[in-house]
Amino acid sequence: MNANFMKAIYLLDKDRTEEAEICLKKAIEQTTNTMELIQIYACSAELFYQLGRTKDALASIEYILQNTQNYECPEKDTALELKKSIEDETEKTK
C-alpha cells in the first residue's frame, strides 16, 4: 500500500486534514494500481465532503464510479452514498 496514503489515514485520525490532503494528492500521483487509486479517491471524497467541498468530492466520486462499473466493492458503495447525500443536501438548499 502507498506510504503517502497510509500517512494520510494516520493524519486524518489526528484531525490534521490539510496535511492529509497533501498526502492524498501525492499518493494519487505515485500510484498506478487502479484498486489502490479507487481507495485513495474514496478517502479523498469523504474528506472533501466533510470539509464542505462538494465539487471536489463529486470529482473523486466520479473517478470511483467510472472505474468500478464492472464490479462491486465497498468504495463504490461509499461513493454512491456520498453522492446521494450531496444530492439530498443540494435539493434542500434550493
N, C-alpha and C. Protein backbone atom coordinates (compact mmCIF):
# COMPACT_ATOMS: atom_id res chain seq x y z
N MET A 1 0.85 -1.19 0.00
CA MET A 1 0.00 0.00 0.00
C MET A 1 0.89 1.25 0.00
N ASN A 2 0.43 2.25 -0.65
CA ASN A 2 1.16 3.51 -0.81
C ASN A 2 1.43 4.16 0.55
N ALA A 3 2.69 4.54 0.77
CA ALA A 3 3.10 5.13 2.05
C ALA A 3 2.40 6.47 2.32
N ASN A 4 2.21 7.26 1.28
CA ASN A 4 1.52 8.55 1.47
C ASN A 4 0.04 8.35 1.82
N PHE A 5 -0.56 7.31 1.28
CA PHE A 5 -1.95 7.01 1.63
C PHE A 5 -2.04 6.59 3.09
N MET A 6 -1.13 5.76 3.52
CA MET A 6 -1.12 5.33 4.92
C MET A 6 -0.89 6.53 5.85
N LYS A 7 0.00 7.43 5.43
CA LYS A 7 0.26 8.63 6.23
C LYS A 7 -0.98 9.51 6.28
N ALA A 8 -1.69 9.62 5.16
CA ALA A 8 -2.91 10.43 5.12
C ALA A 8 -3.95 9.88 6.09
N ILE A 9 -4.10 8.57 6.13
CA ILE A 9 -5.06 7.95 7.05
C ILE A 9 -4.67 8.26 8.49
N TYR A 10 -3.39 8.16 8.78
CA TYR A 10 -2.90 8.49 10.13
C TYR A 10 -3.21 9.96 10.47
N LEU A 11 -2.93 10.86 9.53
CA LEU A 11 -3.17 12.28 9.77
C LEU A 11 -4.66 12.59 9.93
N LEU A 12 -5.49 11.89 9.19
CA LEU A 12 -6.94 12.08 9.34
C LEU A 12 -7.39 11.64 10.72
N ASP A 13 -6.81 10.56 11.22
CA ASP A 13 -7.14 10.12 12.58
C ASP A 13 -6.76 11.17 13.62
N LYS A 14 -5.75 11.97 13.30
CA LYS A 14 -5.29 13.04 14.20
C LYS A 14 -5.97 14.37 13.88
N ASP A 15 -6.93 14.35 12.96
CA ASP A 15 -7.69 15.53 12.55
C ASP A 15 -6.80 16.60 11.92
N ARG A 16 -5.78 16.17 11.22
CA ARG A 16 -4.87 17.09 10.52
C ARG A 16 -5.20 17.03 9.02
N THR A 17 -6.34 17.64 8.68
CA THR A 17 -6.90 17.47 7.35
C THR A 17 -6.07 18.09 6.22
N GLU A 18 -5.48 19.24 6.48
CA GLU A 18 -4.69 19.89 5.42
C GLU A 18 -3.48 19.04 5.04
N GLU A 19 -2.79 18.51 6.03
CA GLU A 19 -1.64 17.66 5.76
C GLU A 19 -2.08 16.35 5.10
N ALA A 20 -3.21 15.83 5.54
CA ALA A 20 -3.74 14.60 4.95
C ALA A 20 -4.06 14.80 3.48
N GLU A 21 -4.65 15.94 3.15
CA GLU A 21 -4.98 16.22 1.76
C GLU A 21 -3.73 16.24 0.89
N ILE A 22 -2.67 16.82 1.38
CA ILE A 22 -1.40 16.85 0.64
C ILE A 22 -0.90 15.42 0.40
N CYS A 23 -0.97 14.60 1.42
CA CYS A 23 -0.53 13.21 1.29
C CYS A 23 -1.40 12.43 0.31
N LEU A 24 -2.69 12.69 0.32
CA LEU A 24 -3.59 12.02 -0.62
C LEU A 24 -3.25 12.42 -2.06
N LYS A 25 -2.97 13.69 -2.29
CA LYS A 25 -2.59 14.14 -3.63
C LYS A 25 -1.30 13.47 -4.08
N LYS A 26 -0.33 13.37 -3.19
CA LYS A 26 0.93 12.69 -3.51
C LYS A 26 0.68 11.22 -3.81
N ALA A 27 -0.19 10.60 -3.02
CA ALA A 27 -0.50 9.18 -3.22
C ALA A 27 -1.11 8.95 -4.60
N ILE A 28 -2.00 9.85 -5.01
CA ILE A 28 -2.63 9.73 -6.34
C ILE A 28 -1.57 9.85 -7.43
N GLU A 29 -0.65 10.78 -7.27
CA GLU A 29 0.41 10.98 -8.26
C GLU A 29 1.33 9.77 -8.37
N GLN A 30 1.55 9.08 -7.26
CA GLN A 30 2.53 7.99 -7.21
C GLN A 30 1.95 6.62 -7.55
N THR A 31 0.64 6.47 -7.48
CA THR A 31 0.04 5.16 -7.60
C THR A 31 -0.42 4.87 -9.02
N THR A 32 -0.13 3.67 -9.48
CA THR A 32 -0.58 3.23 -10.80
C THR A 32 -1.60 2.10 -10.68
N ASN A 33 -1.74 1.52 -9.51
CA ASN A 33 -2.67 0.42 -9.28
C ASN A 33 -4.10 0.98 -9.17
N THR A 34 -4.97 0.52 -10.04
CA THR A 34 -6.34 1.05 -10.10
C THR A 34 -7.09 0.86 -8.78
N MET A 35 -6.99 -0.31 -8.17
CA MET A 35 -7.72 -0.54 -6.92
C MET A 35 -7.21 0.38 -5.81
N GLU A 36 -5.91 0.58 -5.77
CA GLU A 36 -5.36 1.49 -4.78
C GLU A 36 -5.85 2.92 -5.03
N LEU A 37 -5.88 3.31 -6.30
CA LEU A 37 -6.37 4.65 -6.64
C LEU A 37 -7.84 4.81 -6.22
N ILE A 38 -8.62 3.78 -6.41
CA ILE A 38 -10.03 3.84 -6.01
C ILE A 38 -10.13 4.06 -4.50
N GLN A 39 -9.30 3.36 -3.74
CA GLN A 39 -9.29 3.54 -2.28
C GLN A 39 -8.87 4.95 -1.89
N ILE A 40 -7.88 5.47 -2.57
CA ILE A 40 -7.40 6.83 -2.27
C ILE A 40 -8.47 7.86 -2.62
N TYR A 41 -9.10 7.69 -3.79
CA TYR A 41 -10.15 8.61 -4.18
C TYR A 41 -11.35 8.53 -3.24
N ALA A 42 -11.65 7.34 -2.72
CA ALA A 42 -12.75 7.20 -1.75
C ALA A 42 -12.44 7.97 -0.48
N CYS A 43 -11.22 7.88 -0.03
CA CYS A 43 -10.79 8.62 1.16
C CYS A 43 -10.86 10.12 0.88
N SER A 44 -10.41 10.53 -0.29
CA SER A 44 -10.45 11.94 -0.69
C SER A 44 -11.88 12.45 -0.74
N ALA A 45 -12.77 11.65 -1.31
CA ALA A 45 -14.18 12.06 -1.43
C ALA A 45 -14.79 12.30 -0.05
N GLU A 46 -14.52 11.40 0.87
CA GLU A 46 -15.05 11.56 2.23
C GLU A 46 -14.47 12.80 2.90
N LEU A 47 -13.17 13.02 2.72
CA LEU A 47 -12.54 14.20 3.31
C LEU A 47 -13.16 15.47 2.74
N PHE A 48 -13.26 15.56 1.43
CA PHE A 48 -13.82 16.76 0.81
C PHE A 48 -15.26 16.98 1.23
N TYR A 49 -16.01 15.91 1.33
CA TYR A 49 -17.41 16.02 1.78
C TYR A 49 -17.47 16.60 3.19
N GLN A 50 -16.64 16.08 4.07
CA GLN A 50 -16.62 16.56 5.45
C GLN A 50 -16.20 18.01 5.54
N LEU A 51 -15.35 18.45 4.61
CA LEU A 51 -14.88 19.83 4.60
C LEU A 51 -15.85 20.77 3.86
N GLY A 52 -16.93 20.20 3.32
CA GLY A 52 -17.90 21.02 2.61
C GLY A 52 -17.49 21.36 1.18
N ARG A 53 -16.53 20.65 0.66
CA ARG A 53 -16.03 20.89 -0.70
C ARG A 53 -16.69 19.89 -1.65
N THR A 54 -17.97 20.11 -1.89
CA THR A 54 -18.74 19.13 -2.65
C THR A 54 -18.26 18.96 -4.09
N LYS A 55 -17.80 20.02 -4.72
CA LYS A 55 -17.31 19.91 -6.10
C LYS A 55 -16.12 18.95 -6.15
N ASP A 56 -15.20 19.07 -5.22
CA ASP A 56 -14.05 18.17 -5.16
C ASP A 56 -14.48 16.75 -4.81
N ALA A 57 -15.43 16.64 -3.89
CA ALA A 57 -15.95 15.32 -3.51
C ALA A 57 -16.58 14.64 -4.72
N LEU A 58 -17.37 15.38 -5.47
CA LEU A 58 -18.02 14.80 -6.64
C LEU A 58 -17.02 14.37 -7.71
N ALA A 59 -15.93 15.10 -7.86
CA ALA A 59 -14.89 14.71 -8.82
C ALA A 59 -14.27 13.37 -8.40
N SER A 60 -14.01 13.20 -7.13
CA SER A 60 -13.46 11.93 -6.64
C SER A 60 -14.48 10.81 -6.80
N ILE A 61 -15.73 11.11 -6.51
CA ILE A 61 -16.81 10.12 -6.64
C ILE A 61 -16.93 9.66 -8.09
N GLU A 62 -16.87 10.59 -9.02
CA GLU A 62 -16.97 10.23 -10.44
C GLU A 62 -15.83 9.31 -10.87
N TYR A 63 -14.62 9.58 -10.37
CA TYR A 63 -13.49 8.70 -10.67
C TYR A 63 -13.81 7.27 -10.20
N ILE A 64 -14.29 7.17 -8.97
CA ILE A 64 -14.60 5.85 -8.40
C ILE A 64 -15.67 5.15 -9.25
N LEU A 65 -16.74 5.84 -9.56
CA LEU A 65 -17.84 5.22 -10.30
C LEU A 65 -17.42 4.81 -11.71
N GLN A 66 -16.59 5.61 -12.34
CA GLN A 66 -16.12 5.28 -13.69
C GLN A 66 -15.21 4.05 -13.68
N ASN A 67 -14.49 3.86 -12.60
CA ASN A 67 -13.52 2.76 -12.56
C ASN A 67 -14.01 1.53 -11.82
N THR A 68 -15.28 1.53 -11.41
CA THR A 68 -15.85 0.36 -10.74
C THR A 68 -17.14 -0.09 -11.43
N GLN A 69 -17.29 0.26 -12.69
CA GLN A 69 -18.52 -0.06 -13.41
C GLN A 69 -18.77 -1.56 -13.51
N ASN A 70 -17.72 -2.36 -13.59
CA ASN A 70 -17.88 -3.79 -13.85
C ASN A 70 -17.83 -4.68 -12.62
N TYR A 71 -17.74 -4.10 -11.45
CA TYR A 71 -17.69 -4.93 -10.24
C TYR A 71 -18.12 -4.15 -9.02
N GLU A 72 -18.42 -4.90 -7.97
CA GLU A 72 -18.83 -4.30 -6.70
C GLU A 72 -17.64 -4.23 -5.75
N CYS A 73 -17.57 -3.16 -5.00
CA CYS A 73 -16.55 -3.01 -3.98
C CYS A 73 -17.06 -2.00 -2.96
N PRO A 74 -16.52 -2.03 -1.74
CA PRO A 74 -17.00 -1.10 -0.71
C PRO A 74 -16.86 0.36 -1.10
N GLU A 75 -15.82 0.69 -1.83
CA GLU A 75 -15.60 2.08 -2.23
C GLU A 75 -16.70 2.58 -3.16
N LYS A 76 -17.20 1.68 -4.01
CA LYS A 76 -18.30 2.06 -4.90
C LYS A 76 -19.55 2.37 -4.08
N ASP A 77 -19.82 1.53 -3.09
CA ASP A 77 -20.98 1.77 -2.22
C ASP A 77 -20.84 3.10 -1.48
N THR A 78 -19.64 3.36 -0.97
CA THR A 78 -19.36 4.62 -0.27
C THR A 78 -19.58 5.81 -1.20
N ALA A 79 -19.08 5.69 -2.42
CA ALA A 79 -19.21 6.77 -3.40
C ALA A 79 -20.68 7.05 -3.70
N LEU A 80 -21.45 6.00 -3.88
CA LEU A 80 -22.88 6.17 -4.17
C LEU A 80 -23.62 6.81 -3.00
N GLU A 81 -23.27 6.43 -1.78
CA GLU A 81 -23.88 7.02 -0.59
C GLU A 81 -23.54 8.51 -0.46
N LEU A 82 -22.25 8.83 -0.68
CA LEU A 82 -21.84 10.24 -0.61
C LEU A 82 -22.54 11.07 -1.69
N LYS A 83 -22.61 10.51 -2.89
CA LYS A 83 -23.26 11.23 -3.99
C LYS A 83 -24.72 11.51 -3.65
N LYS A 84 -25.40 10.53 -3.09
CA LYS A 84 -26.80 10.72 -2.69
C LYS A 84 -26.91 11.79 -1.60
N SER A 85 -26.01 11.77 -0.63
CA SER A 85 -26.02 12.78 0.44
C SER A 85 -25.84 14.18 -0.13
N ILE A 86 -24.91 14.32 -1.06
CA ILE A 86 -24.66 15.62 -1.69
C ILE A 86 -25.89 16.07 -2.47
N GLU A 87 -26.49 15.15 -3.22
CA GLU A 87 -27.68 15.49 -3.99
C GLU A 87 -28.83 15.89 -3.06
N ASP A 88 -29.00 15.15 -1.97
CA ASP A 88 -30.07 15.48 -1.00
C ASP A 88 -29.84 16.86 -0.39
N GLU A 89 -28.60 17.17 -0.01
CA GLU A 89 -28.29 18.47 0.58
C GLU A 89 -28.50 19.59 -0.42
N THR A 90 -28.13 19.34 -1.66
CA THR A 90 -28.31 20.33 -2.71
C THR A 90 -29.79 20.61 -2.93
N GLU A 91 -30.58 19.56 -2.91
CA GLU A 91 -32.04 19.69 -3.08
C GLU A 91 -32.66 20.50 -1.94
N LYS A 92 -32.17 20.31 -0.72
CA LYS A 92 -32.70 21.02 0.45
C LYS A 92 -32.42 22.52 0.38
N THR A 93 -31.30 22.89 -0.23
CA THR A 93 -30.93 24.30 -0.26
C THR A 93 -31.59 25.06 -1.40
N LYS A 94 -32.32 24.35 -2.25
CA LYS A 94 -33.00 25.03 -3.37
C LYS A 94 -34.25 25.72 -2.91
